[in-house]
């Protein structure tokens, strides 16, 4: 989670919402991503999507079987869908997102009967630091 938090800080420094994500396989980081929707003019440029894309290129496959995703904020519905499609084994997230999250809040995508893959989900990993980054970022914009 430390590497994901570093990516979140970098995103904040670039004026993006501070969210970072890494994909781990066999104890090694194989995919990294920080939020870039504003910089890339791309609403899909979330940290999770970038990390999943990077990991898929690293492994040369669209299936990330045996991989774990660490992200600083509970994934939204779009990212939760990508996590399911990528077949991520475990999802670890920091801060919960009661308004926009889709893993343990909102639509709870992984609990839906039609979802084709359900990762193990663990929330609250590094929650205090991830939440503090988000609070600081949004307080500075108010």
N, C-alpha and C. Protein backbone atom coordinates (compact mmCIF):
# COMPACT_ATOMS: atom_id res chain seq x y z
N UNK A 1 0.83 -1.20 0.00
CA UNK A 1 0.00 0.00 0.00
C UNK A 1 0.87 1.25 0.00
N UNK A 2 2.07 1.12 0.51
CA UNK A 2 2.98 2.26 0.53
C UNK A 2 3.25 2.80 -0.88
N UNK A 3 3.45 1.92 -1.84
CA UNK A 3 3.70 2.35 -3.22
C UNK A 3 2.46 3.02 -3.80
N UNK A 4 1.29 2.52 -3.48
CA UNK A 4 0.05 3.13 -3.95
C UNK A 4 -0.11 4.53 -3.34
N UNK A 5 0.22 4.69 -2.09
CA UNK A 5 0.15 6.00 -1.44
C UNK A 5 1.13 6.98 -2.08
N UNK A 6 2.32 6.50 -2.45
CA UNK A 6 3.27 7.36 -3.15
C UNK A 6 2.69 7.84 -4.48
N UNK A 7 2.03 6.95 -5.20
CA UNK A 7 1.40 7.32 -6.47
C UNK A 7 0.25 8.29 -6.25
N UNK A 8 -0.47 8.15 -5.15
CA UNK A 8 -1.55 9.08 -4.83
C UNK A 8 -0.99 10.47 -4.55
N UNK A 9 0.12 10.53 -3.84
CA UNK A 9 0.76 11.83 -3.58
C UNK A 9 1.21 12.48 -4.88
N UNK A 10 1.76 11.69 -5.78
CA UNK A 10 2.18 12.22 -7.09
C UNK A 10 0.99 12.74 -7.88
N UNK A 11 -0.13 12.03 -7.81
CA UNK A 11 -1.34 12.49 -8.49
C UNK A 11 -1.78 13.83 -7.92
N UNK A 12 -1.76 13.97 -6.62
CA UNK A 12 -2.15 15.24 -5.98
C UNK A 12 -1.23 16.36 -6.41
N UNK A 13 0.06 16.09 -6.49
CA UNK A 13 1.03 17.10 -6.92
C UNK A 13 0.74 17.57 -8.35
N UNK A 14 0.14 16.69 -9.16
CA UNK A 14 -0.20 17.02 -10.54
C UNK A 14 -1.60 17.64 -10.65
N UNK A 15 -2.26 17.86 -9.50
CA UNK A 15 -3.59 18.46 -9.52
C UNK A 15 -4.72 17.47 -9.71
N UNK A 16 -4.41 16.20 -9.61
CA UNK A 16 -5.41 15.14 -9.75
C UNK A 16 -5.89 14.71 -8.36
N UNK A 17 -7.08 14.11 -8.29
CA UNK A 17 -7.56 13.54 -7.04
C UNK A 17 -6.54 12.48 -6.61
N UNK A 18 -6.06 12.53 -5.36
CA UNK A 18 -4.98 11.64 -4.94
C UNK A 18 -5.40 10.20 -4.72
N UNK A 19 -5.35 9.45 -5.82
CA UNK A 19 -5.61 8.02 -5.76
C UNK A 19 -4.47 7.33 -6.49
N UNK A 20 -3.92 6.30 -5.86
CA UNK A 20 -2.86 5.51 -6.47
C UNK A 20 -3.18 4.04 -6.36
N UNK A 21 -2.63 3.24 -7.29
CA UNK A 21 -2.90 1.81 -7.30
C UNK A 21 -1.68 1.04 -7.81
N UNK A 22 -1.50 -0.15 -7.28
CA UNK A 22 -0.47 -1.05 -7.77
C UNK A 22 -1.05 -2.46 -7.88
N UNK A 23 -0.56 -3.21 -8.86
CA UNK A 23 -0.90 -4.62 -9.01
C UNK A 23 0.34 -5.42 -8.63
N UNK A 24 0.14 -6.42 -7.78
CA UNK A 24 1.23 -7.25 -7.28
C UNK A 24 1.03 -8.69 -7.73
N UNK A 25 2.11 -9.29 -8.21
CA UNK A 25 2.10 -10.69 -8.62
C UNK A 25 3.37 -11.34 -8.11
N UNK A 26 3.25 -12.41 -7.36
CA UNK A 26 4.43 -13.09 -6.84
C UNK A 26 5.29 -12.20 -5.96
N UNK A 27 4.68 -11.28 -5.24
CA UNK A 27 5.41 -10.40 -4.35
C UNK A 27 6.06 -9.21 -5.02
N UNK A 28 5.89 -9.06 -6.33
CA UNK A 28 6.48 -7.95 -7.06
C UNK A 28 5.41 -7.05 -7.66
N UNK A 29 5.67 -5.76 -7.67
CA UNK A 29 4.76 -4.82 -8.32
C UNK A 29 4.96 -4.94 -9.82
N UNK A 30 3.87 -5.25 -10.53
CA UNK A 30 3.96 -5.40 -11.99
C UNK A 30 3.12 -4.36 -12.72
N UNK A 31 2.38 -3.57 -11.96
CA UNK A 31 1.56 -2.52 -12.56
C UNK A 31 1.39 -1.37 -11.59
N UNK A 32 1.50 -0.14 -12.11
CA UNK A 32 1.37 1.06 -11.28
C UNK A 32 0.46 2.04 -11.99
N UNK A 33 -0.27 2.81 -11.18
CA UNK A 33 -1.10 3.85 -11.77
C UNK A 33 -1.50 4.89 -10.75
N UNK A 34 -1.58 6.11 -11.22
CA UNK A 34 -2.10 7.21 -10.42
C UNK A 34 -3.21 7.87 -11.21
N UNK A 35 -4.12 8.51 -10.52
CA UNK A 35 -5.22 9.18 -11.21
C UNK A 35 -4.68 10.18 -12.24
N UNK A 36 -5.29 10.20 -13.45
CA UNK A 36 -4.88 11.12 -14.51
C UNK A 36 -6.04 11.58 -15.40
N UNK A 37 -7.28 11.57 -14.94
CA UNK A 37 -8.37 11.98 -15.82
C UNK A 37 -8.23 13.42 -16.33
N UNK A 38 -7.78 14.32 -15.46
CA UNK A 38 -7.65 15.72 -15.87
C UNK A 38 -6.49 15.88 -16.84
N UNK A 39 -5.33 15.35 -16.47
CA UNK A 39 -4.14 15.47 -17.31
C UNK A 39 -4.32 14.81 -18.68
N UNK A 40 -4.97 13.66 -18.70
CA UNK A 40 -5.13 12.91 -19.95
C UNK A 40 -6.41 13.27 -20.71
N UNK A 41 -7.23 14.13 -20.12
CA UNK A 41 -8.54 14.44 -20.73
C UNK A 41 -9.28 13.14 -21.03
N UNK A 42 -9.31 12.27 -20.00
CA UNK A 42 -9.87 10.93 -20.17
C UNK A 42 -10.59 10.54 -18.88
N UNK A 43 -11.92 10.50 -18.91
CA UNK A 43 -12.66 10.14 -17.69
C UNK A 43 -12.39 8.72 -17.20
N UNK A 44 -11.80 7.87 -18.02
CA UNK A 44 -11.50 6.50 -17.60
C UNK A 44 -10.09 6.35 -17.05
N UNK A 45 -9.33 7.42 -16.96
CA UNK A 45 -7.92 7.34 -16.52
C UNK A 45 -7.80 7.30 -15.00
N UNK A 46 -8.52 6.39 -14.40
CA UNK A 46 -8.43 6.19 -12.95
C UNK A 46 -7.18 5.37 -12.63
N UNK A 47 -6.71 5.48 -11.40
CA UNK A 47 -5.50 4.79 -10.97
C UNK A 47 -5.60 3.28 -11.17
N UNK A 48 -6.74 2.69 -10.83
CA UNK A 48 -6.90 1.24 -10.97
C UNK A 48 -6.80 0.80 -12.42
N UNK A 49 -7.43 1.55 -13.31
CA UNK A 49 -7.41 1.20 -14.73
C UNK A 49 -5.97 1.25 -15.24
N UNK A 50 -5.23 2.32 -14.88
CA UNK A 50 -3.85 2.45 -15.32
C UNK A 50 -2.99 1.29 -14.80
N UNK A 51 -3.17 0.93 -13.52
CA UNK A 51 -2.38 -0.15 -12.94
C UNK A 51 -2.71 -1.49 -13.59
N UNK A 52 -4.00 -1.74 -13.84
CA UNK A 52 -4.42 -2.98 -14.49
C UNK A 52 -3.85 -3.05 -15.91
N UNK A 53 -3.93 -1.95 -16.66
CA UNK A 53 -3.38 -1.94 -18.01
C UNK A 53 -1.88 -2.21 -18.00
N UNK A 54 -1.17 -1.57 -17.08
CA UNK A 54 0.28 -1.76 -16.97
C UNK A 54 0.60 -3.22 -16.66
N UNK A 55 -0.12 -3.80 -15.69
CA UNK A 55 0.11 -5.19 -15.31
C UNK A 55 -0.20 -6.15 -16.46
N UNK A 56 -1.27 -5.89 -17.19
CA UNK A 56 -1.62 -6.76 -18.32
C UNK A 56 -0.53 -6.73 -19.39
N UNK A 57 0.00 -5.53 -19.65
CA UNK A 57 1.12 -5.42 -20.62
C UNK A 57 2.35 -6.16 -20.09
N UNK A 58 2.62 -6.01 -18.80
CA UNK A 58 3.78 -6.67 -18.20
C UNK A 58 3.70 -8.18 -18.35
N UNK A 59 2.52 -8.73 -18.08
CA UNK A 59 2.33 -10.19 -18.17
C UNK A 59 2.00 -10.67 -19.58
N UNK A 60 1.61 -9.76 -20.45
CA UNK A 60 1.27 -10.15 -21.81
C UNK A 60 -0.04 -10.91 -21.90
N UNK A 61 -0.99 -10.56 -21.04
CA UNK A 61 -2.29 -11.23 -21.03
C UNK A 61 -3.36 -10.29 -20.49
N UNK A 62 -4.60 -10.59 -20.82
CA UNK A 62 -5.70 -9.78 -20.29
C UNK A 62 -6.24 -10.34 -18.97
N UNK A 63 -5.78 -11.49 -18.56
CA UNK A 63 -6.23 -12.11 -17.31
C UNK A 63 -5.13 -12.00 -16.27
N UNK A 64 -5.44 -11.35 -15.19
CA UNK A 64 -4.46 -11.15 -14.12
C UNK A 64 -4.69 -12.12 -12.98
N UNK A 65 -4.85 -13.39 -13.34
CA UNK A 65 -5.03 -14.45 -12.34
C UNK A 65 -3.85 -14.45 -11.38
N UNK A 66 -4.13 -14.59 -10.11
CA UNK A 66 -3.09 -14.63 -9.10
C UNK A 66 -2.52 -13.27 -8.73
N UNK A 67 -3.12 -12.22 -9.24
CA UNK A 67 -2.65 -10.86 -8.94
C UNK A 67 -3.54 -10.19 -7.90
N UNK A 68 -2.93 -9.31 -7.13
CA UNK A 68 -3.64 -8.53 -6.12
C UNK A 68 -3.53 -7.06 -6.47
N UNK A 69 -4.59 -6.32 -6.20
CA UNK A 69 -4.62 -4.88 -6.46
C UNK A 69 -4.71 -4.13 -5.14
N UNK A 70 -3.82 -3.18 -4.96
CA UNK A 70 -3.82 -2.29 -3.80
C UNK A 70 -4.16 -0.90 -4.32
N UNK A 71 -5.21 -0.30 -3.77
CA UNK A 71 -5.62 1.04 -4.20
C UNK A 71 -5.99 1.86 -2.97
N UNK A 72 -5.70 3.15 -3.03
CA UNK A 72 -5.87 3.99 -1.84
C UNK A 72 -7.31 4.37 -1.55
N UNK A 73 -8.21 4.21 -2.51
CA UNK A 73 -9.63 4.55 -2.33
C UNK A 73 -10.49 3.42 -2.86
N UNK A 74 -11.58 3.14 -2.19
CA UNK A 74 -12.51 2.12 -2.65
C UNK A 74 -12.87 2.37 -4.13
N UNK A 75 -12.75 1.36 -4.98
CA UNK A 75 -13.01 1.54 -6.41
C UNK A 75 -14.45 1.92 -6.73
N UNK A 76 -14.59 2.73 -7.79
CA UNK A 76 -15.91 3.08 -8.33
C UNK A 76 -16.45 1.90 -9.13
N UNK A 77 -17.65 2.05 -9.66
CA UNK A 77 -18.28 0.97 -10.43
C UNK A 77 -17.47 0.62 -11.67
N UNK A 78 -16.95 1.63 -12.38
CA UNK A 78 -16.15 1.36 -13.57
C UNK A 78 -14.93 0.53 -13.22
N UNK A 79 -14.22 0.94 -12.18
CA UNK A 79 -13.01 0.23 -11.79
C UNK A 79 -13.31 -1.15 -11.22
N UNK A 80 -14.39 -1.28 -10.48
CA UNK A 80 -14.79 -2.59 -9.96
C UNK A 80 -15.09 -3.54 -11.12
N UNK A 81 -15.73 -3.03 -12.16
CA UNK A 81 -15.98 -3.86 -13.35
C UNK A 81 -14.69 -4.30 -14.00
N UNK A 82 -13.71 -3.40 -14.10
CA UNK A 82 -12.41 -3.75 -14.68
C UNK A 82 -11.70 -4.79 -13.82
N UNK A 83 -11.81 -4.65 -12.51
CA UNK A 83 -11.20 -5.61 -11.59
C UNK A 83 -11.78 -7.00 -11.82
N UNK A 84 -13.09 -7.08 -11.98
CA UNK A 84 -13.74 -8.37 -12.25
C UNK A 84 -13.29 -8.93 -13.60
N UNK A 85 -13.30 -8.10 -14.63
CA UNK A 85 -12.89 -8.56 -15.97
C UNK A 85 -11.44 -9.03 -15.99
N UNK A 86 -10.58 -8.38 -15.21
CA UNK A 86 -9.16 -8.74 -15.17
C UNK A 86 -8.90 -9.98 -14.32
N UNK A 87 -9.91 -10.41 -13.57
CA UNK A 87 -9.79 -11.57 -12.69
C UNK A 87 -8.79 -11.36 -11.55
N UNK A 88 -8.77 -10.13 -11.02
CA UNK A 88 -7.92 -9.83 -9.87
C UNK A 88 -8.30 -10.76 -8.71
N UNK A 89 -7.31 -11.35 -8.07
CA UNK A 89 -7.56 -12.31 -7.00
C UNK A 89 -8.04 -11.63 -5.72
N UNK A 90 -7.31 -10.57 -5.30
CA UNK A 90 -7.64 -9.87 -4.07
C UNK A 90 -7.57 -8.37 -4.30
N UNK A 91 -8.53 -7.67 -3.72
CA UNK A 91 -8.57 -6.21 -3.75
C UNK A 91 -8.34 -5.71 -2.33
N UNK A 92 -7.33 -4.87 -2.17
CA UNK A 92 -7.06 -4.21 -0.90
C UNK A 92 -7.24 -2.72 -1.14
N UNK A 93 -8.11 -2.07 -0.38
CA UNK A 93 -8.25 -0.63 -0.55
C UNK A 93 -8.12 0.09 0.78
N UNK A 94 -7.74 1.37 0.69
CA UNK A 94 -7.51 2.19 1.86
C UNK A 94 -8.79 2.82 2.38
N UNK A 95 -9.09 4.02 1.90
CA UNK A 95 -10.25 4.77 2.38
C UNK A 95 -11.55 4.26 1.74
N UNK A 96 -12.61 4.13 2.52
CA UNK A 96 -13.91 3.80 1.93
C UNK A 96 -14.46 5.01 1.18
N UNK A 97 -15.35 4.76 0.23
CA UNK A 97 -15.98 5.85 -0.53
C UNK A 97 -17.49 5.64 -0.51
N UNK A 98 -18.16 6.13 0.55
CA UNK A 98 -19.60 5.92 0.68
C UNK A 98 -20.41 6.52 -0.48
N UNK A 99 -19.90 7.58 -1.12
CA UNK A 99 -20.65 8.21 -2.22
C UNK A 99 -20.39 7.57 -3.58
N UNK A 100 -19.14 7.19 -3.85
CA UNK A 100 -18.81 6.71 -5.19
C UNK A 100 -18.26 5.30 -5.25
N UNK A 101 -18.08 4.68 -4.10
CA UNK A 101 -17.52 3.33 -4.09
C UNK A 101 -18.50 2.28 -4.57
N UNK A 102 -17.97 1.17 -5.05
CA UNK A 102 -18.83 0.11 -5.58
C UNK A 102 -18.42 -1.27 -5.10
N UNK A 103 -17.46 -1.34 -4.17
CA UNK A 103 -17.06 -2.64 -3.64
C UNK A 103 -17.84 -2.98 -2.38
N UNK A 104 -17.81 -2.09 -1.39
CA UNK A 104 -18.54 -2.33 -0.15
C UNK A 104 -19.60 -1.27 0.09
N UNK A 105 -19.70 -0.31 -0.80
CA UNK A 105 -20.74 0.73 -0.75
C UNK A 105 -21.48 0.74 -2.09
N UNK A 106 -22.51 1.57 -2.16
CA UNK A 106 -23.23 1.73 -3.42
C UNK A 106 -23.73 0.41 -3.98
N UNK A 107 -23.42 0.13 -5.24
CA UNK A 107 -23.97 -1.08 -5.88
C UNK A 107 -23.36 -2.39 -5.40
N UNK A 108 -22.27 -2.32 -4.63
CA UNK A 108 -21.61 -3.55 -4.16
C UNK A 108 -21.50 -4.56 -5.30
N UNK A 109 -20.80 -4.15 -6.31
CA UNK A 109 -20.74 -4.90 -7.56
C UNK A 109 -20.36 -6.36 -7.39
N UNK A 110 -19.41 -6.65 -6.50
CA UNK A 110 -18.94 -8.02 -6.36
C UNK A 110 -19.95 -8.93 -5.67
N UNK A 111 -21.02 -8.35 -5.13
CA UNK A 111 -22.07 -9.16 -4.50
C UNK A 111 -23.23 -9.44 -5.46
N UNK A 112 -23.19 -8.87 -6.64
CA UNK A 112 -24.29 -9.06 -7.59
C UNK A 112 -24.25 -10.47 -8.17
N UNK A 113 -25.41 -11.09 -8.33
CA UNK A 113 -25.43 -12.48 -8.83
C UNK A 113 -24.93 -12.62 -10.26
N UNK A 114 -24.93 -11.55 -11.03
CA UNK A 114 -24.52 -11.65 -12.43
C UNK A 114 -23.03 -11.36 -12.64
N UNK A 115 -22.31 -10.99 -11.60
CA UNK A 115 -20.88 -10.70 -11.77
C UNK A 115 -20.14 -12.02 -12.03
N UNK A 116 -19.24 -12.00 -12.98
CA UNK A 116 -18.58 -13.24 -13.39
C UNK A 116 -17.32 -13.57 -12.58
N UNK A 117 -16.81 -12.62 -11.79
CA UNK A 117 -15.65 -12.90 -10.95
C UNK A 117 -15.73 -12.04 -9.69
N UNK A 118 -15.46 -12.66 -8.56
CA UNK A 118 -15.50 -11.96 -7.29
C UNK A 118 -14.14 -12.04 -6.60
N UNK A 119 -13.42 -10.93 -6.55
CA UNK A 119 -12.16 -10.97 -5.81
C UNK A 119 -12.45 -10.98 -4.31
N UNK A 120 -11.48 -11.41 -3.53
CA UNK A 120 -11.56 -11.21 -2.09
C UNK A 120 -11.36 -9.71 -1.87
N UNK A 121 -12.12 -9.11 -0.98
CA UNK A 121 -12.05 -7.65 -0.77
C UNK A 121 -11.69 -7.37 0.68
N UNK A 122 -10.67 -6.51 0.85
CA UNK A 122 -10.22 -6.11 2.18
C UNK A 122 -10.11 -4.59 2.19
N UNK A 123 -10.93 -3.94 3.00
CA UNK A 123 -10.91 -2.49 3.10
C UNK A 123 -10.19 -2.02 4.34
N UNK A 124 -9.85 -0.73 4.35
CA UNK A 124 -9.25 -0.11 5.52
C UNK A 124 -7.74 -0.27 5.63
N UNK A 125 -7.09 -0.74 4.57
CA UNK A 125 -5.64 -0.92 4.58
C UNK A 125 -4.99 0.45 4.31
N UNK A 126 -4.33 1.01 5.30
CA UNK A 126 -3.75 2.35 5.14
C UNK A 126 -4.81 3.44 5.06
N UNK A 127 -5.96 3.16 5.65
CA UNK A 127 -7.11 4.07 5.55
C UNK A 127 -6.82 5.48 6.05
N UNK A 128 -6.18 5.59 7.20
CA UNK A 128 -5.96 6.92 7.78
C UNK A 128 -5.12 7.81 6.86
N UNK A 129 -4.03 7.27 6.33
CA UNK A 129 -3.17 8.08 5.46
C UNK A 129 -3.87 8.39 4.14
N UNK A 130 -4.57 7.42 3.58
CA UNK A 130 -5.28 7.65 2.32
C UNK A 130 -6.38 8.69 2.50
N UNK A 131 -7.13 8.58 3.58
CA UNK A 131 -8.21 9.55 3.85
C UNK A 131 -7.64 10.94 4.10
N UNK A 132 -6.51 11.02 4.79
CA UNK A 132 -5.88 12.32 5.07
C UNK A 132 -5.44 13.00 3.76
N UNK A 133 -4.89 12.22 2.83
CA UNK A 133 -4.50 12.78 1.53
C UNK A 133 -5.71 13.37 0.81
N UNK A 134 -6.80 12.64 0.81
CA UNK A 134 -8.02 13.10 0.15
C UNK A 134 -8.58 14.35 0.83
N UNK A 135 -8.63 14.34 2.17
CA UNK A 135 -9.14 15.51 2.90
C UNK A 135 -8.31 16.75 2.59
N UNK A 136 -7.00 16.62 2.66
CA UNK A 136 -6.10 17.74 2.41
C UNK A 136 -6.29 18.28 0.99
N UNK A 137 -6.42 17.39 0.02
CA UNK A 137 -6.59 17.78 -1.38
C UNK A 137 -7.88 18.59 -1.56
N UNK A 138 -8.99 18.08 -1.02
CA UNK A 138 -10.27 18.77 -1.21
C UNK A 138 -10.40 20.02 -0.36
N UNK A 139 -9.81 20.04 0.82
CA UNK A 139 -9.83 21.26 1.65
C UNK A 139 -9.12 22.40 0.94
N UNK A 140 -8.05 22.09 0.24
CA UNK A 140 -7.27 23.13 -0.48
C UNK A 140 -8.07 23.71 -1.66
N UNK A 141 -9.10 23.01 -2.11
CA UNK A 141 -9.89 23.45 -3.26
C UNK A 141 -11.18 24.15 -2.86
N UNK A 142 -11.46 24.20 -1.57
CA UNK A 142 -12.71 24.84 -1.10
C UNK A 142 -12.48 26.28 -0.79
